[in-house]
Amino acid sequence: MIEAAAPELVARSRPKTVALIVLVAVTVFLAYLAMTAFDPSLPAFDFGRRRLGRPSHAVGSFLLACAVLSLAGTVWLFRRRLNPTIAVVADAHGISVDQLFWGRGRLAWSEITELQMRYQSMLYIRGVPQGGDGKTKKLVIDTGGIDVSIGDLVTVIVRHRPDLVERSPG
């Protein structure tokens, strides 16, 4: 019977507050523009000497649909902020990544072949899974989107595979 390894590192998702604030502002702006198409008592936006005027009902409907989508994104991001999900787990057997939109999966420490840091906050882990078809698997960790520092993550990787950090070009 194989015992489950206790995790050495557990990183949870941490959506950026700036993204949440921007989404709220975009939602309010789009909703107000949509409302000006249907309610003539609301003042229209004027930018300097340029007057936009009132959008048509079709444009107002489109802006309202965009505002609803933006509101849905805002609620989803706010929910993730209040209830973060586990994004990265490193234990004695390997590393597992489950971040949204990035390379997901699990690699054992012995399967990892390369470690690269790119684009200031993206950590790429490449490896060849055993028992697979021999294709390289890529895990991507957005270190800006988790609640663990890059130093702590690299420390765990060095503990298991010091050769990867020494020869990695990133």
N, C-alpha and C. Protein backbone atom coordinates (compact mmCIF):
# COMPACT_ATOMS: atom_id res chain seq x y z
N MET A 1 0.84 -1.17 0.00
CA MET A 1 0.00 0.00 0.00
C MET A 1 0.88 1.24 0.00
N ILE A 2 0.65 2.12 -0.94
CA ILE A 2 1.44 3.35 -1.04
C ILE A 2 0.80 4.42 -0.17
N GLU A 3 1.61 5.02 0.68
CA GLU A 3 1.10 6.08 1.54
C GLU A 3 1.09 7.40 0.77
N ALA A 4 0.10 8.19 1.05
CA ALA A 4 0.04 9.52 0.44
C ALA A 4 1.08 10.42 1.11
N ALA A 5 1.86 11.08 0.31
CA ALA A 5 2.90 11.96 0.84
C ALA A 5 2.28 13.25 1.36
N ALA A 6 2.80 13.70 2.48
CA ALA A 6 2.34 14.98 3.02
C ALA A 6 2.88 16.09 2.14
N PRO A 7 2.05 17.04 1.76
CA PRO A 7 2.53 18.11 0.89
C PRO A 7 3.57 18.99 1.59
N GLU A 8 4.64 19.28 0.87
CA GLU A 8 5.67 20.19 1.38
C GLU A 8 5.29 21.64 1.08
N LEU A 9 4.56 21.83 0.00
CA LEU A 9 4.17 23.18 -0.40
C LEU A 9 2.77 23.13 -0.99
N VAL A 10 1.91 23.97 -0.48
CA VAL A 10 0.56 24.11 -1.02
C VAL A 10 0.36 25.59 -1.32
N ALA A 11 0.13 25.91 -2.59
CA ALA A 11 -0.09 27.30 -3.00
C ALA A 11 -1.52 27.44 -3.48
N ARG A 12 -2.17 28.45 -2.98
CA ARG A 12 -3.55 28.73 -3.38
C ARG A 12 -3.58 29.89 -4.36
N SER A 13 -4.65 29.92 -5.16
CA SER A 13 -4.79 31.00 -6.14
C SER A 13 -5.02 32.31 -5.40
N ARG A 14 -4.50 33.37 -5.98
CA ARG A 14 -4.64 34.69 -5.39
C ARG A 14 -4.88 35.69 -6.53
N PRO A 15 -6.14 35.89 -6.90
CA PRO A 15 -6.42 36.86 -7.96
C PRO A 15 -5.98 38.26 -7.54
N LYS A 16 -5.51 39.01 -8.48
CA LYS A 16 -5.01 40.35 -8.20
C LYS A 16 -6.16 41.32 -7.89
N THR A 17 -5.96 42.15 -6.88
CA THR A 17 -6.96 43.14 -6.49
C THR A 17 -7.16 44.18 -7.59
N VAL A 18 -6.09 44.51 -8.29
CA VAL A 18 -6.18 45.49 -9.37
C VAL A 18 -7.14 45.00 -10.46
N ALA A 19 -7.07 43.73 -10.78
CA ALA A 19 -7.97 43.18 -11.80
C ALA A 19 -9.42 43.27 -11.35
N LEU A 20 -9.66 43.04 -10.08
CA LEU A 20 -11.02 43.14 -9.55
C LEU A 20 -11.53 44.57 -9.63
N ILE A 21 -10.69 45.53 -9.26
CA ILE A 21 -11.08 46.94 -9.31
C ILE A 21 -11.35 47.39 -10.74
N VAL A 22 -10.50 46.98 -11.67
CA VAL A 22 -10.70 47.33 -13.08
C VAL A 22 -11.99 46.74 -13.62
N LEU A 23 -12.28 45.48 -13.26
CA LEU A 23 -13.52 44.86 -13.72
C LEU A 23 -14.75 45.57 -13.18
N VAL A 24 -14.70 45.99 -11.93
CA VAL A 24 -15.83 46.73 -11.36
C VAL A 24 -16.03 48.05 -12.11
N ALA A 25 -14.93 48.76 -12.38
CA ALA A 25 -15.02 50.04 -13.09
C ALA A 25 -15.56 49.85 -14.50
N VAL A 26 -15.09 48.82 -15.21
CA VAL A 26 -15.56 48.55 -16.57
C VAL A 26 -17.04 48.19 -16.56
N THR A 27 -17.46 47.40 -15.58
CA THR A 27 -18.87 47.01 -15.47
C THR A 27 -19.76 48.23 -15.27
N VAL A 28 -19.36 49.10 -14.37
CA VAL A 28 -20.16 50.31 -14.09
C VAL A 28 -20.21 51.20 -15.33
N PHE A 29 -19.08 51.38 -15.99
CA PHE A 29 -19.02 52.24 -17.18
C PHE A 29 -19.90 51.69 -18.30
N LEU A 30 -19.78 50.39 -18.58
CA LEU A 30 -20.60 49.80 -19.64
C LEU A 30 -22.08 49.85 -19.30
N ALA A 31 -22.43 49.60 -18.04
CA ALA A 31 -23.83 49.64 -17.64
C ALA A 31 -24.39 51.06 -17.79
N TYR A 32 -23.61 52.06 -17.42
CA TYR A 32 -24.08 53.44 -17.54
C TYR A 32 -24.27 53.82 -19.01
N LEU A 33 -23.31 53.45 -19.86
CA LEU A 33 -23.46 53.74 -21.29
C LEU A 33 -24.69 53.06 -21.86
N ALA A 34 -24.95 51.81 -21.44
CA ALA A 34 -26.12 51.10 -21.93
C ALA A 34 -27.40 51.77 -21.45
N MET A 35 -27.39 52.24 -20.21
CA MET A 35 -28.58 52.89 -19.66
C MET A 35 -28.88 54.21 -20.38
N THR A 36 -27.86 54.91 -20.84
CA THR A 36 -28.11 56.18 -21.54
C THR A 36 -28.85 55.95 -22.86
N ALA A 37 -28.75 54.75 -23.42
CA ALA A 37 -29.47 54.46 -24.66
C ALA A 37 -30.96 54.32 -24.41
N PHE A 38 -31.34 53.90 -23.21
CA PHE A 38 -32.75 53.62 -22.93
C PHE A 38 -33.42 54.68 -22.05
N ASP A 39 -32.62 55.49 -21.36
CA ASP A 39 -33.19 56.50 -20.45
C ASP A 39 -32.69 57.88 -20.87
N PRO A 40 -33.52 58.68 -21.53
CA PRO A 40 -33.07 60.00 -22.00
C PRO A 40 -32.82 61.01 -20.87
N SER A 41 -33.25 60.72 -19.65
CA SER A 41 -33.00 61.65 -18.55
C SER A 41 -31.56 61.59 -18.04
N LEU A 42 -30.83 60.53 -18.38
CA LEU A 42 -29.42 60.43 -17.98
C LEU A 42 -28.55 61.25 -18.91
N PRO A 43 -27.58 61.99 -18.37
CA PRO A 43 -26.70 62.77 -19.25
C PRO A 43 -25.76 61.86 -20.03
N ALA A 44 -25.55 62.20 -21.29
CA ALA A 44 -24.62 61.44 -22.14
C ALA A 44 -23.19 61.89 -21.84
N PHE A 45 -22.23 61.04 -22.20
CA PHE A 45 -20.82 61.37 -21.96
C PHE A 45 -20.33 62.37 -22.99
N ASP A 46 -19.62 63.39 -22.50
CA ASP A 46 -18.95 64.36 -23.36
C ASP A 46 -17.46 64.32 -23.02
N PHE A 47 -16.65 64.19 -24.02
CA PHE A 47 -15.20 64.19 -23.84
C PHE A 47 -14.64 65.47 -24.46
N GLY A 48 -14.45 66.49 -23.63
CA GLY A 48 -13.95 67.75 -24.15
C GLY A 48 -14.98 68.39 -25.08
N ARG A 49 -14.54 68.73 -26.28
CA ARG A 49 -15.45 69.34 -27.25
C ARG A 49 -16.20 68.29 -28.05
N ARG A 50 -15.81 67.04 -27.90
CA ARG A 50 -16.48 65.99 -28.65
C ARG A 50 -17.67 65.46 -27.86
N ARG A 51 -18.77 65.38 -28.51
CA ARG A 51 -19.97 64.87 -27.87
C ARG A 51 -20.31 63.53 -28.50
N LEU A 52 -20.42 62.54 -27.65
CA LEU A 52 -20.73 61.20 -28.16
C LEU A 52 -22.19 61.06 -28.55
N GLY A 53 -23.04 61.73 -27.85
CA GLY A 53 -24.46 61.56 -28.11
C GLY A 53 -24.97 60.27 -27.48
N ARG A 54 -26.19 59.97 -27.76
CA ARG A 54 -26.80 58.77 -27.19
C ARG A 54 -26.61 57.60 -28.14
N PRO A 55 -26.23 56.44 -27.57
CA PRO A 55 -26.14 55.26 -28.44
C PRO A 55 -27.54 54.78 -28.86
N SER A 56 -27.59 54.11 -29.98
CA SER A 56 -28.87 53.57 -30.42
C SER A 56 -29.29 52.42 -29.50
N HIS A 57 -30.52 51.96 -29.67
CA HIS A 57 -30.99 50.85 -28.83
C HIS A 57 -30.19 49.58 -29.09
N ALA A 58 -29.80 49.35 -30.34
CA ALA A 58 -29.02 48.16 -30.66
C ALA A 58 -27.64 48.22 -29.98
N VAL A 59 -27.00 49.38 -30.06
CA VAL A 59 -25.70 49.55 -29.39
C VAL A 59 -25.87 49.46 -27.88
N GLY A 60 -26.96 50.04 -27.36
CA GLY A 60 -27.24 49.95 -25.93
C GLY A 60 -27.44 48.52 -25.48
N SER A 61 -28.12 47.72 -26.29
CA SER A 61 -28.32 46.30 -25.97
C SER A 61 -26.99 45.56 -25.95
N PHE A 62 -26.14 45.87 -26.93
CA PHE A 62 -24.82 45.24 -26.98
C PHE A 62 -23.98 45.63 -25.75
N LEU A 63 -24.01 46.91 -25.39
CA LEU A 63 -23.26 47.37 -24.22
C LEU A 63 -23.81 46.74 -22.93
N LEU A 64 -25.12 46.56 -22.87
CA LEU A 64 -25.71 45.91 -21.72
C LEU A 64 -25.27 44.45 -21.61
N ALA A 65 -25.21 43.76 -22.75
CA ALA A 65 -24.73 42.38 -22.76
C ALA A 65 -23.26 42.32 -22.31
N CYS A 66 -22.46 43.27 -22.77
CA CYS A 66 -21.05 43.33 -22.34
C CYS A 66 -20.95 43.62 -20.85
N ALA A 67 -21.83 44.48 -20.34
CA ALA A 67 -21.84 44.78 -18.90
C ALA A 67 -22.22 43.55 -18.08
N VAL A 68 -23.16 42.77 -18.58
CA VAL A 68 -23.55 41.54 -17.87
C VAL A 68 -22.39 40.54 -17.84
N LEU A 69 -21.69 40.40 -18.96
CA LEU A 69 -20.52 39.52 -18.99
C LEU A 69 -19.42 40.01 -18.05
N SER A 70 -19.22 41.32 -18.03
CA SER A 70 -18.22 41.90 -17.14
C SER A 70 -18.62 41.71 -15.68
N LEU A 71 -19.91 41.81 -15.39
CA LEU A 71 -20.39 41.57 -14.03
C LEU A 71 -20.19 40.11 -13.63
N ALA A 72 -20.44 39.20 -14.56
CA ALA A 72 -20.21 37.78 -14.28
C ALA A 72 -18.72 37.52 -13.98
N GLY A 73 -17.84 38.14 -14.75
CA GLY A 73 -16.41 38.01 -14.48
C GLY A 73 -16.01 38.60 -13.15
N THR A 74 -16.63 39.71 -12.79
CA THR A 74 -16.35 40.35 -11.51
C THR A 74 -16.78 39.46 -10.35
N VAL A 75 -17.97 38.89 -10.44
CA VAL A 75 -18.48 38.00 -9.39
C VAL A 75 -17.59 36.76 -9.28
N TRP A 76 -17.21 36.19 -10.42
CA TRP A 76 -16.36 35.01 -10.41
C TRP A 76 -15.00 35.31 -9.77
N LEU A 77 -14.40 36.44 -10.13
CA LEU A 77 -13.11 36.82 -9.56
C LEU A 77 -13.23 37.13 -8.07
N PHE A 78 -14.32 37.77 -7.67
CA PHE A 78 -14.54 38.07 -6.26
C PHE A 78 -14.72 36.78 -5.46
N ARG A 79 -15.44 35.81 -6.04
CA ARG A 79 -15.61 34.51 -5.37
C ARG A 79 -14.28 33.80 -5.22
N ARG A 80 -13.45 33.86 -6.25
CA ARG A 80 -12.12 33.25 -6.16
C ARG A 80 -11.25 33.96 -5.14
N ARG A 81 -11.45 35.25 -4.97
CA ARG A 81 -10.68 36.02 -3.98
C ARG A 81 -11.08 35.61 -2.56
N LEU A 82 -12.39 35.39 -2.33
CA LEU A 82 -12.86 35.00 -1.01
C LEU A 82 -12.63 33.53 -0.70
N ASN A 83 -12.68 32.68 -1.72
CA ASN A 83 -12.53 31.24 -1.53
C ASN A 83 -11.48 30.71 -2.51
N PRO A 84 -10.18 30.91 -2.22
CA PRO A 84 -9.15 30.50 -3.17
C PRO A 84 -9.07 28.98 -3.33
N THR A 85 -8.71 28.57 -4.53
CA THR A 85 -8.55 27.15 -4.82
C THR A 85 -7.06 26.79 -4.75
N ILE A 86 -6.80 25.51 -4.57
CA ILE A 86 -5.40 25.05 -4.52
C ILE A 86 -4.87 25.01 -5.94
N ALA A 87 -3.77 25.73 -6.17
CA ALA A 87 -3.22 25.86 -7.52
C ALA A 87 -1.98 25.00 -7.73
N VAL A 88 -1.12 24.87 -6.71
CA VAL A 88 0.13 24.13 -6.84
C VAL A 88 0.33 23.30 -5.57
N VAL A 89 0.69 22.03 -5.76
CA VAL A 89 1.02 21.15 -4.63
C VAL A 89 2.33 20.45 -4.97
N ALA A 90 3.28 20.57 -4.07
CA ALA A 90 4.56 19.86 -4.22
C ALA A 90 4.71 18.93 -3.02
N ASP A 91 4.93 17.65 -3.30
CA ASP A 91 5.13 16.68 -2.22
C ASP A 91 6.36 15.85 -2.53
N ALA A 92 6.55 14.77 -1.80
CA ALA A 92 7.74 13.94 -1.97
C ALA A 92 7.78 13.25 -3.33
N HIS A 93 6.65 13.08 -3.98
CA HIS A 93 6.59 12.37 -5.25
C HIS A 93 6.74 13.27 -6.47
N GLY A 94 6.33 14.53 -6.38
CA GLY A 94 6.40 15.42 -7.53
C GLY A 94 5.65 16.71 -7.30
N ILE A 95 5.33 17.35 -8.42
CA ILE A 95 4.65 18.64 -8.36
C ILE A 95 3.39 18.57 -9.22
N SER A 96 2.32 19.15 -8.70
CA SER A 96 1.03 19.14 -9.37
C SER A 96 0.56 20.58 -9.53
N VAL A 97 0.11 20.93 -10.74
CA VAL A 97 -0.33 22.28 -11.03
C VAL A 97 -1.77 22.22 -11.53
N ASP A 98 -2.62 23.08 -10.96
CA ASP A 98 -4.02 23.15 -11.37
C ASP A 98 -4.47 24.61 -11.42
N GLN A 99 -3.75 25.41 -12.22
CA GLN A 99 -4.12 26.81 -12.39
C GLN A 99 -4.99 26.94 -13.62
N LEU A 100 -5.85 27.93 -13.58
CA LEU A 100 -6.76 28.18 -14.68
C LEU A 100 -6.00 28.77 -15.87
N PHE A 101 -6.30 28.30 -17.07
CA PHE A 101 -5.75 28.80 -18.34
C PHE A 101 -4.31 28.42 -18.61
N TRP A 102 -3.62 27.76 -17.73
CA TRP A 102 -2.21 27.45 -17.95
C TRP A 102 -2.03 25.94 -18.02
N GLY A 103 -0.80 25.49 -18.26
CA GLY A 103 -0.50 24.06 -18.35
C GLY A 103 -0.80 23.38 -17.03
N ARG A 104 -1.69 22.42 -17.07
CA ARG A 104 -2.10 21.70 -15.87
C ARG A 104 -1.54 20.29 -15.90
N GLY A 105 -1.47 19.67 -14.73
CA GLY A 105 -1.08 18.28 -14.66
C GLY A 105 -0.14 18.02 -13.50
N ARG A 106 0.49 16.85 -13.56
CA ARG A 106 1.40 16.42 -12.51
C ARG A 106 2.62 15.77 -13.14
N LEU A 107 3.78 16.07 -12.58
CA LEU A 107 5.02 15.43 -12.99
C LEU A 107 5.75 14.95 -11.74
N ALA A 108 6.29 13.75 -11.82
CA ALA A 108 7.15 13.25 -10.75
C ALA A 108 8.49 13.97 -10.83
N TRP A 109 9.21 14.01 -9.72
CA TRP A 109 10.50 14.71 -9.72
C TRP A 109 11.46 14.10 -10.73
N SER A 110 11.42 12.80 -10.89
CA SER A 110 12.34 12.14 -11.84
C SER A 110 11.97 12.41 -13.30
N GLU A 111 10.74 12.81 -13.57
CA GLU A 111 10.28 13.06 -14.93
C GLU A 111 10.61 14.47 -15.43
N ILE A 112 10.95 15.36 -14.54
CA ILE A 112 11.20 16.75 -14.91
C ILE A 112 12.54 16.87 -15.61
N THR A 113 12.55 17.54 -16.76
CA THR A 113 13.78 17.69 -17.54
C THR A 113 14.28 19.13 -17.61
N GLU A 114 13.39 20.11 -17.44
CA GLU A 114 13.80 21.50 -17.60
C GLU A 114 12.92 22.41 -16.75
N LEU A 115 13.56 23.47 -16.27
CA LEU A 115 12.88 24.48 -15.46
C LEU A 115 13.28 25.84 -16.02
N GLN A 116 12.29 26.67 -16.37
CA GLN A 116 12.57 27.98 -16.95
C GLN A 116 11.67 29.04 -16.33
N MET A 117 12.25 30.21 -16.11
CA MET A 117 11.48 31.37 -15.66
C MET A 117 11.36 32.30 -16.85
N ARG A 118 10.11 32.66 -17.23
CA ARG A 118 9.87 33.53 -18.38
C ARG A 118 8.85 34.58 -18.03
N TYR A 119 8.88 35.67 -18.77
CA TYR A 119 7.88 36.73 -18.69
C TYR A 119 7.68 37.22 -17.25
N GLN A 120 8.72 37.31 -16.50
CA GLN A 120 8.78 37.86 -15.15
C GLN A 120 8.06 37.04 -14.09
N SER A 121 6.97 36.38 -14.41
CA SER A 121 6.26 35.66 -13.35
C SER A 121 5.80 34.26 -13.75
N MET A 122 6.23 33.78 -14.90
CA MET A 122 5.80 32.45 -15.35
C MET A 122 6.93 31.44 -15.18
N LEU A 123 6.66 30.38 -14.45
CA LEU A 123 7.63 29.30 -14.25
C LEU A 123 7.18 28.12 -15.09
N TYR A 124 8.02 27.74 -16.06
CA TYR A 124 7.72 26.62 -16.95
C TYR A 124 8.47 25.40 -16.46
N ILE A 125 7.75 24.30 -16.29
CA ILE A 125 8.35 23.03 -15.88
C ILE A 125 8.05 22.03 -16.99
N ARG A 126 9.09 21.54 -17.62
CA ARG A 126 8.92 20.57 -18.71
C ARG A 126 9.43 19.21 -18.26
N GLY A 127 8.77 18.18 -18.74
CA GLY A 127 9.19 16.83 -18.40
C GLY A 127 8.57 15.82 -19.34
N VAL A 128 9.05 14.58 -19.25
CA VAL A 128 8.54 13.48 -20.05
C VAL A 128 7.92 12.47 -19.10
N PRO A 129 6.59 12.36 -19.10
CA PRO A 129 5.94 11.41 -18.19
C PRO A 129 6.29 9.97 -18.54
N GLN A 130 6.55 9.17 -17.52
CA GLN A 130 6.85 7.76 -17.73
C GLN A 130 5.58 7.02 -18.08
N GLY A 131 5.69 6.04 -18.94
CA GLY A 131 4.53 5.26 -19.34
C GLY A 131 3.65 5.97 -20.34
N GLY A 132 4.06 7.14 -20.79
CA GLY A 132 3.27 7.90 -21.77
C GLY A 132 3.76 7.62 -23.17
N ASP A 133 3.46 8.52 -24.08
CA ASP A 133 3.84 8.36 -25.48
C ASP A 133 5.18 9.01 -25.78
N GLY A 134 5.90 9.46 -24.76
CA GLY A 134 7.22 10.07 -24.96
C GLY A 134 7.18 11.54 -25.30
N LYS A 135 6.00 12.13 -25.32
CA LYS A 135 5.89 13.56 -25.61
C LYS A 135 6.18 14.38 -24.36
N THR A 136 6.76 15.53 -24.58
CA THR A 136 7.07 16.43 -23.48
C THR A 136 5.79 17.05 -22.93
N LYS A 137 5.70 17.07 -21.62
CA LYS A 137 4.58 17.70 -20.95
C LYS A 137 5.06 18.99 -20.32
N LYS A 138 4.22 20.03 -20.38
CA LYS A 138 4.61 21.34 -19.86
C LYS A 138 3.62 21.77 -18.79
N LEU A 139 4.16 22.08 -17.61
CA LEU A 139 3.37 22.68 -16.54
C LEU A 139 3.77 24.15 -16.47
N VAL A 140 2.81 25.02 -16.32
CA VAL A 140 3.08 26.46 -16.24
C VAL A 140 2.49 26.98 -14.94
N ILE A 141 3.33 27.67 -14.16
CA ILE A 141 2.88 28.25 -12.90
C ILE A 141 3.00 29.77 -13.01
N ASP A 142 1.88 30.44 -12.87
CA ASP A 142 1.87 31.90 -12.81
C ASP A 142 2.17 32.27 -11.36
N THR A 143 3.42 32.60 -11.07
CA THR A 143 3.83 32.85 -9.69
C THR A 143 3.23 34.14 -9.14
N GLY A 144 2.74 35.02 -10.00
CA GLY A 144 2.06 36.22 -9.53
C GLY A 144 0.64 35.94 -9.11
N GLY A 145 0.11 34.78 -9.45
CA GLY A 145 -1.27 34.44 -9.14
C GLY A 145 -1.43 33.46 -8.01
N ILE A 146 -0.36 33.21 -7.24
CA ILE A 146 -0.45 32.29 -6.10
C ILE A 146 0.02 33.01 -4.84
N ASP A 147 -0.30 32.43 -3.70
CA ASP A 147 0.02 33.08 -2.43
C ASP A 147 1.36 32.63 -1.84
N VAL A 148 2.18 31.94 -2.61
CA VAL A 148 3.50 31.50 -2.18
C VAL A 148 4.54 32.23 -3.02
N SER A 149 5.62 32.65 -2.40
CA SER A 149 6.65 33.37 -3.15
C SER A 149 7.41 32.43 -4.07
N ILE A 150 8.00 33.00 -5.10
CA ILE A 150 8.80 32.21 -6.04
C ILE A 150 9.99 31.57 -5.35
N GLY A 151 10.53 32.25 -4.33
CA GLY A 151 11.66 31.70 -3.57
C GLY A 151 11.29 30.42 -2.84
N ASP A 152 10.12 30.39 -2.24
CA ASP A 152 9.67 29.18 -1.54
C ASP A 152 9.46 28.03 -2.52
N LEU A 153 8.90 28.33 -3.68
CA LEU A 153 8.66 27.31 -4.70
C LEU A 153 9.97 26.74 -5.22
N VAL A 154 10.93 27.62 -5.51
CA VAL A 154 12.23 27.16 -6.01
C VAL A 154 12.98 26.37 -4.93
N THR A 155 12.82 26.75 -3.66
CA THR A 155 13.46 26.01 -2.57
C THR A 155 12.98 24.56 -2.53
N VAL A 156 11.70 24.34 -2.71
CA VAL A 156 11.17 22.97 -2.73
C VAL A 156 11.70 22.21 -3.93
N ILE A 157 11.77 22.86 -5.08
CA ILE A 157 12.29 22.20 -6.29
C ILE A 157 13.76 21.85 -6.11
N VAL A 158 14.54 22.76 -5.54
CA VAL A 158 15.98 22.52 -5.31
C VAL A 158 16.18 21.37 -4.34
N ARG A 159 15.31 21.25 -3.38
CA ARG A 159 15.42 20.16 -2.39
C ARG A 159 15.34 18.79 -3.07
N HIS A 160 14.52 18.69 -4.11
CA HIS A 160 14.33 17.41 -4.79
C HIS A 160 15.18 17.26 -6.05
N ARG A 161 15.40 18.35 -6.76
CA ARG A 161 16.15 18.30 -8.02
C ARG A 161 17.10 19.49 -8.12
N PRO A 162 18.22 19.48 -7.38
CA PRO A 162 19.15 20.62 -7.44
C PRO A 162 19.79 20.79 -8.82
N ASP A 163 19.88 19.72 -9.59
CA ASP A 163 20.49 19.80 -10.92
C ASP A 163 19.67 20.66 -11.88
N LEU A 164 18.38 20.75 -11.70
CA LEU A 164 17.54 21.55 -12.59
C LEU A 164 17.81 23.03 -12.46
N VAL A 165 17.99 23.50 -11.25
CA VAL A 165 18.21 24.93 -11.03
C VAL A 165 19.60 25.34 -11.45
N GLU A 166 20.58 24.48 -11.27
CA GLU A 166 21.95 24.80 -11.64
C GLU A 166 22.13 24.94 -13.14
N ARG A 167 21.45 24.12 -13.94
CA ARG A 167 21.68 24.15 -15.38
C ARG A 167 20.57 24.83 -16.16
N SER A 168 19.55 25.32 -15.49
CA SER A 168 18.46 25.99 -16.20
C SER A 168 18.89 27.36 -16.67
N PRO A 169 18.58 27.71 -17.93
CA PRO A 169 19.01 28.99 -18.47
C PRO A 169 18.13 30.15 -18.05
N GLY A 170 17.16 30.01 -17.20
CA GLY A 170 16.28 31.11 -16.87
C GLY A 170 16.37 31.46 -15.46
